[in-house]
Amino acid sequence: MSAKANGNETNPDARPRPRIRPGAGPDLDELTRIYNHYVTETPITFDTVPFTADQRRPWLLAHPHSGPHRLLVAEEDGKLLGYATSSAFRPKQAYATSVETSVYVAPEHLGRGIGSLLYTALFEALEQEDVHVALAGITVPNEASQRLHVRFGFRPVGVYEQVGRKFGRFWDVAWFQKRL
């Protein structure tokens, strides 16, 4: 029986699934480029000035390959497509089992499901860690991010109104929470 008749026909134009791996030093320039797009072009982050790779190095080093604070990247043919992180929610010790999660996809790769692949891998890794709650702050409006988080089991828990000023206006941040 042929693969086509068996319902397993392969699509020669289909892209292979991107590889998900921990982010590392050689990724820093591309990670910075991806993030800077969101700094300069969107209200998604409240940073207002683009970063150099050297300025982002402490952020990279705060995400080791193990533990609750991770940086995972999606890579295809040697190019980074995006990244996901789990970071400290707040510095006080009682918050140690809570993380804030984020996903950033390179603008040229939006709409390919990269964010979902990254979040799947991130939450699988966090299942092995002493993490009780994941939180996500989403500048609104951002329906795509809200849908992604709800799909991954986050629920809305509140809105901080007009807490960020960028591009000449004030923005709200919706907070989402997920128990792990």
C-alpha atoms as a PDB file:
ATOM      1  CA  MET A   1       0.000   0.000   0.000  1.00  0.00           C
ATOM      2  CA  SER A   2       1.397   3.390  -0.904  1.00  0.00           C
ATOM      3  CA  ALA A   3       1.898   6.127   1.641  1.00  0.00           C
ATOM      4  CA  LYS A   4      -0.759   8.147  -0.189  1.00  0.00           C
ATOM      5  CA  ALA A   5      -3.309   5.345  -0.029  1.00  0.00           C
ATOM      6  CA  ASN A   6      -2.448   4.799   3.622  1.00  0.00           C
ATOM      7  CA  GLY A   7      -3.299   8.423   4.437  1.00  0.00           C
ATOM      8  CA  ASN A   8       0.318   9.188   5.342  1.00  0.00           C
ATOM      9  CA  GLU A   9       1.250  11.168   2.280  1.00  0.00           C
ATOM     10  CA  THR A  10       4.116  13.509   2.980  1.00  0.00           C
ATOM     11  CA  ASN A  11       4.053  17.052   1.732  1.00  0.00           C
ATOM     12  CA  PRO A  12       7.395  17.873   0.097  1.00  0.00           C
ATOM     13  CA  ASP A  13       6.709  21.594   0.690  1.00  0.00           C
ATOM     14  CA  ALA A  14       6.014  21.129   4.414  1.00  0.00           C
ATOM     15  CA  ARG A  15       8.634  22.583   6.706  1.00  0.00           C
ATOM     16  CA  PRO A  16      10.280  20.332   9.263  1.00  0.00           C
ATOM     17  CA  ARG A  17       9.236  20.994  12.846  1.00  0.00           C
ATOM     18  CA  PRO A  18      11.512  23.630  14.407  1.00  0.00           C
ATOM     19  CA  ARG A  19      13.951  22.393  17.022  1.00  0.00           C
ATOM     20  CA  ILE A  20      13.355  23.705  20.555  1.00  0.00           C
ATOM     21  CA  ARG A  21      16.476  24.060  22.709  1.00  0.00           C
ATOM     22  CA  PRO A  22      17.873  26.185  25.532  1.00  0.00           C
ATOM     23  CA  GLY A  23      19.040  29.620  24.493  1.00  0.00           C
ATOM     24  CA  ALA A  24      22.784  30.248  24.669  1.00  0.00           C
ATOM     25  CA  GLY A  25      25.423  32.928  24.223  1.00  0.00           C
ATOM     26  CA  PRO A  26      25.683  32.608  20.426  1.00  0.00           C
ATOM     27  CA  ASP A  27      21.940  33.391  20.193  1.00  0.00           C
ATOM     28  CA  LEU A  28      22.242  36.759  21.902  1.00  0.00           C
ATOM     29  CA  ASP A  29      22.410  38.951  18.789  1.00  0.00           C
ATOM     30  CA  GLU A  30      19.309  37.369  17.248  1.00  0.00           C
ATOM     31  CA  LEU A  31      17.424  37.302  20.560  1.00  0.00           C
ATOM     32  CA  THR A  32      18.146  41.019  20.875  1.00  0.00           C
ATOM     33  CA  ARG A  33      16.987  41.699  17.303  1.00  0.00           C
ATOM     34  CA  ILE A  34      13.691  39.879  17.921  1.00  0.00           C
ATOM     35  CA  TYR A  35      13.054  41.691  21.205  1.00  0.00           C
ATOM     36  CA  ASN A  36      13.996  45.100  19.782  1.00  0.00           C
ATOM     37  CA  HIS A  37      11.307  44.712  17.118  1.00  0.00           C
ATOM     38  CA  TYR A  38       8.715  44.629  19.908  1.00  0.00           C
ATOM     39  CA  VAL A  39      10.420  47.533  21.706  1.00  0.00           C
ATOM     40  CA  THR A  40      10.321  49.844  18.692  1.00  0.00           C
ATOM     41  CA  GLU A  41       7.213  48.695  16.834  1.00  0.00           C
ATOM     42  CA  THR A  42       4.651  47.576  19.441  1.00  0.00           C
ATOM     43  CA  PRO A  43       3.338  48.332  22.925  1.00  0.00           C
ATOM     44  CA  ILE A  44       3.785  44.638  23.859  1.00  0.00           C
ATOM     45  CA  THR A  45       6.800  45.475  26.018  1.00  0.00           C
ATOM     46  CA  PHE A  46       7.079  48.674  27.985  1.00  0.00           C
ATOM     47  CA  ASP A  47      10.757  49.049  27.176  1.00  0.00           C
ATOM     48  CA  THR A  48      11.019  52.127  24.975  1.00  0.00           C
ATOM     49  CA  VAL A  49      14.672  52.157  23.902  1.00  0.00           C
ATOM     50  CA  PRO A  50      16.255  49.312  21.899  1.00  0.00           C
ATOM     51  CA  PHE A  51      18.951  47.238  23.579  1.00  0.00           C
ATOM     52  CA  THR A  52      22.417  46.277  22.466  1.00  0.00           C
ATOM     53  CA  ALA A  53      23.402  42.637  22.795  1.00  0.00           C
ATOM     54  CA  ASP A  54      25.789  43.577  25.621  1.00  0.00           C
ATOM     55  CA  GLN A  55      22.927  45.244  27.505  1.00  0.00           C
ATOM     56  CA  ARG A  56      20.846  42.065  27.126  1.00  0.00           C
ATOM     57  CA  ARG A  57      23.620  39.736  28.339  1.00  0.00           C
ATOM     58  CA  PRO A  58      22.555  39.875  32.048  1.00  0.00           C
ATOM     59  CA  TRP A  59      19.033  38.876  30.981  1.00  0.00           C
ATOM     60  CA  LEU A  60      20.441  35.902  29.058  1.00  0.00           C
ATOM     61  CA  LEU A  61      22.590  34.830  32.004  1.00  0.00           C
ATOM     62  CA  ALA A  62      19.565  34.975  34.326  1.00  0.00           C
ATOM     63  CA  HIS A  63      18.084  32.049  32.341  1.00  0.00           C
ATOM     64  CA  PRO A  64      20.238  28.938  32.886  1.00  0.00           C
ATOM     65  CA  HIS A  65      19.582  25.627  31.128  1.00  0.00           C
ATOM     66  CA  SER A  66      17.939  24.154  34.226  1.00  0.00           C
ATOM     67  CA  GLY A  67      15.834  25.449  37.076  1.00  0.00           C
ATOM     68  CA  PRO A  68      12.632  27.447  37.080  1.00  0.00           C
ATOM     69  CA  HIS A  69      13.967  30.387  35.028  1.00  0.00           C
ATOM     70  CA  ARG A  70      14.374  29.127  31.489  1.00  0.00           C
ATOM     71  CA  LEU A  71      15.019  30.512  28.039  1.00  0.00           C
ATOM     72  CA  LEU A  72      14.002  28.245  25.176  1.00  0.00           C
ATOM     73  CA  VAL A  73      14.466  29.081  21.514  1.00  0.00           C
ATOM     74  CA  ALA A  74      12.883  27.711  18.359  1.00  0.00           C
ATOM     75  CA  GLU A  75      15.434  27.130  15.618  1.00  0.00           C
ATOM     76  CA  GLU A  76      15.032  26.083  12.003  1.00  0.00           C
ATOM     77  CA  ASP A  77      17.876  25.751   9.507  1.00  0.00           C
ATOM     78  CA  GLY A  78      20.183  27.597  11.918  1.00  0.00           C
ATOM     79  CA  LYS A  79      17.838  30.600  12.288  1.00  0.00           C
ATOM     80  CA  LEU A  80      16.022  31.589  15.464  1.00  0.00           C
ATOM     81  CA  LEU A  81      12.275  31.863  15.004  1.00  0.00           C
ATOM     82  CA  GLY A  82      11.410  33.015  18.512  1.00  0.00           C
ATOM     83  CA  TYR A  83      11.859  32.361  22.205  1.00  0.00           C
ATOM     84  CA  ALA A  84       9.967  31.735  25.435  1.00  0.00           C
ATOM     85  CA  THR A  85      11.059  32.500  28.976  1.00  0.00           C
ATOM     86  CA  SER A  86      10.079  31.857  32.531  1.00  0.00           C
ATOM     87  CA  SER A  87      11.525  34.508  34.812  1.00  0.00           C
ATOM     88  CA  ALA A  88      11.352  35.492  38.436  1.00  0.00           C
ATOM     89  CA  PHE A  89       7.971  37.072  39.136  1.00  0.00           C
ATOM     90  CA  ARG A  90       9.242  39.252  41.973  1.00  0.00           C
ATOM     91  CA  PRO A  91      12.514  39.196  43.913  1.00  0.00           C
ATOM     92  CA  LYS A  92      11.109  38.405  47.383  1.00  0.00           C
ATOM     93  CA  GLN A  93      11.681  34.836  48.564  1.00  0.00           C
ATOM     94  CA  ALA A  94       7.993  34.016  49.096  1.00  0.00           C
ATOM     95  CA  TYR A  95       7.508  34.443  45.318  1.00  0.00           C
ATOM     96  CA  ALA A  96      10.164  31.820  44.474  1.00  0.00           C
ATOM     97  CA  THR A  97       7.607  29.269  43.260  1.00  0.00           C
ATOM     98  CA  SER A  98       5.960  31.776  40.897  1.00  0.00           C
ATOM     99  CA  VAL A  99       7.299  32.621  37.436  1.00  0.00           C
ATOM    100  CA  GLU A 100       6.362  35.150  34.792  1.00  0.00           C
ATOM    101  CA  THR A 101       6.260  33.698  31.293  1.00  0.00           C
ATOM    102  CA  SER A 102       6.709  35.402  27.930  1.00  0.00           C
ATOM    103  CA  VAL A 103       6.882  34.441  24.270  1.00  0.00           C
ATOM    104  CA  TYR A 104       8.406  36.521  21.493  1.00  0.00           C
ATOM    105  CA  VAL A 105       8.303  35.346  17.873  1.00  0.00           C
ATOM    106  CA  ALA A 106      10.382  36.918  15.112  1.00  0.00           C
ATOM    107  CA  PRO A 107       7.976  39.104  13.116  1.00  0.00           C
ATOM    108  CA  GLU A 108       8.728  37.244   9.886  1.00  0.00           C
ATOM    109  CA  HIS A 109       7.595  33.964  11.520  1.00  0.00           C
ATOM    110  CA  LEU A 110       4.325  35.060  13.144  1.00  0.00           C
ATOM    111  CA  GLY A 111       1.314  32.853  12.475  1.00  0.00           C
ATOM    112  CA  ARG A 112       3.248  29.580  12.180  1.00  0.00           C
ATOM    113  CA  GLY A 113       2.473  28.209  15.650  1.00  0.00           C
ATOM    114  CA  ILE A 114       5.972  28.948  16.952  1.00  0.00           C
ATOM    115  CA  GLY A 115       4.619  30.454  20.186  1.00  0.00           C
ATOM    116  CA  SER A 116       2.619  27.290  20.879  1.00  0.00           C
ATOM    117  CA  LEU A 117       5.648  25.053  20.243  1.00  0.00           C
ATOM    118  CA  LEU A 118       7.742  27.142  22.608  1.00  0.00           C
ATOM    119  CA  TYR A 119       5.113  27.232  25.353  1.00  0.00           C
ATOM    120  CA  THR A 120       4.563  23.473  25.087  1.00  0.00           C
ATOM    121  CA  ALA A 121       8.278  22.863  25.663  1.00  0.00           C
ATOM    122  CA  LEU A 122       8.515  25.498  28.394  1.00  0.00           C
ATOM    123  CA  PHE A 123       5.637  24.075  30.430  1.00  0.00           C
ATOM    124  CA  GLU A 124       6.959  20.535  30.010  1.00  0.00           C
ATOM    125  CA  ALA A 125      10.272  21.732  31.483  1.00  0.00           C
ATOM    126  CA  LEU A 126       8.548  23.609  34.307  1.00  0.00           C
ATOM    127  CA  GLU A 127       6.636  20.465  35.328  1.00  0.00           C
ATOM    128  CA  GLN A 128       9.977  19.147  36.631  1.00  0.00           C
ATOM    129  CA  GLU A 129      10.658  22.263  38.716  1.00  0.00           C
ATOM    130  CA  ASP A 130       9.382  23.618  42.024  1.00  0.00           C
ATOM    131  CA  VAL A 131       6.996  26.038  40.320  1.00  0.00           C
ATOM    132  CA  HIS A 132       3.445  26.474  41.543  1.00  0.00           C
ATOM    133  CA  VAL A 133       2.111  29.395  39.477  1.00  0.00           C
ATOM    134  CA  ALA A 134       2.878  30.904  36.081  1.00  0.00           C
ATOM    135  CA  LEU A 135       1.789  34.484  35.418  1.00  0.00           C
ATOM    136  CA  ALA A 136       1.660  36.507  32.239  1.00  0.00           C
ATOM    137  CA  GLY A 137       1.132  40.243  31.850  1.00  0.00           C
ATOM    138  CA  ILE A 138      -0.319  41.138  28.460  1.00  0.00           C
ATOM    139  CA  THR A 139      -0.575  44.683  27.151  1.00  0.00           C
ATOM    140  CA  VAL A 140      -4.090  45.072  25.802  1.00  0.00           C
ATOM    141  CA  PRO A 141      -5.322  44.888  23.208  1.00  0.00           C
ATOM    142  CA  ASN A 142      -3.409  41.768  22.142  1.00  0.00           C
ATOM    143  CA  GLU A 143      -5.987  39.142  21.282  1.00  0.00           C
ATOM    144  CA  ALA A 144      -3.454  36.693  19.824  1.00  0.00           C
ATOM    145  CA  SER A 145      -1.477  36.584  23.069  1.00  0.00           C
ATOM    146  CA  GLN A 146      -4.623  36.327  25.161  1.00  0.00           C
ATOM    147  CA  ARG A 147      -5.857  33.379  23.042  1.00  0.00           C
ATOM    148  CA  LEU A 148      -2.465  31.663  23.337  1.00  0.00           C
ATOM    149  CA  HIS A 149      -2.457  31.953  27.108  1.00  0.00           C
ATOM    150  CA  VAL A 150      -6.045  30.755  27.498  1.00  0.00           C
ATOM    151  CA  ARG A 151      -5.245  27.785  25.221  1.00  0.00           C
ATOM    152  CA  PHE A 152      -2.418  26.889  27.627  1.00  0.00           C
ATOM    153  CA  GLY A 153      -4.693  26.960  30.661  1.00  0.00           C
ATOM    154  CA  PHE A 154      -4.170  30.507  31.878  1.00  0.00           C
ATOM    155  CA  ARG A 155      -7.170  32.371  33.233  1.00  0.00           C
ATOM    156  CA  PRO A 156      -7.617  36.135  33.471  1.00  0.00           C
ATOM    157  CA  VAL A 157      -7.182  37.452  37.013  1.00  0.00           C
ATOM    158  CA  GLY A 158      -7.292  41.217  36.590  1.00  0.00           C
ATOM    159  CA  VAL A 159      -6.299  44.317  34.689  1.00  0.00           C
ATOM    160  CA  TYR A 160      -3.917  47.055  35.742  1.00  0.00           C
ATOM    161  CA  GLU A 161      -5.353  50.122  34.040  1.00  0.00           C
ATOM    162  CA  GLN A 162      -3.215  52.702  32.255  1.00  0.00           C
ATOM    163  CA  VAL A 163       0.024  51.548  33.901  1.00  0.00           C
ATOM    164  CA  GLY A 164       2.332  52.033  30.927  1.00  0.00           C
ATOM    165  CA  ARG A 165       2.872  55.026  28.654  1.00  0.00           C
ATOM    166  CA  LYS A 166       4.298  54.334  25.231  1.00  0.00           C
ATOM    167  CA  PHE A 167       3.776  55.845  21.777  1.00  0.00           C
ATOM    168  CA  GLY A 168       2.011  58.840  23.334  1.00  0.00           C
ATOM    169  CA  ARG A 169      -0.751  56.927  25.091  1.00  0.00           C
ATOM    170  CA  PHE A 170      -1.464  54.904  28.213  1.00  0.00           C
ATOM    171  CA  TRP A 171      -1.856  51.117  28.060  1.00  0.00           C
ATOM    172  CA  ASP A 172      -3.579  48.569  30.289  1.00  0.00           C
ATOM    173  CA  VAL A 173      -2.004  45.250  31.257  1.00  0.00           C
ATOM    174  CA  ALA A 174      -4.218  42.184  31.648  1.00  0.00           C
ATOM    175  CA  TRP A 175      -2.846  39.564  34.036  1.00  0.00           C
ATOM    176  CA  PHE A 176      -3.292  35.854  33.470  1.00  0.00           C
ATOM    177  CA  GLN A 177      -2.440  33.026  35.858  1.00  0.00           C
ATOM    178  CA  LYS A 178      -1.972  29.268  35.552  1.00  0.00           C
ATOM    179  CA  ARG A 179      -1.362  26.741  38.313  1.00  0.00           C
ATOM    180  CA  LEU A 180       1.241  24.150  37.477  1.00  0.00           C
END
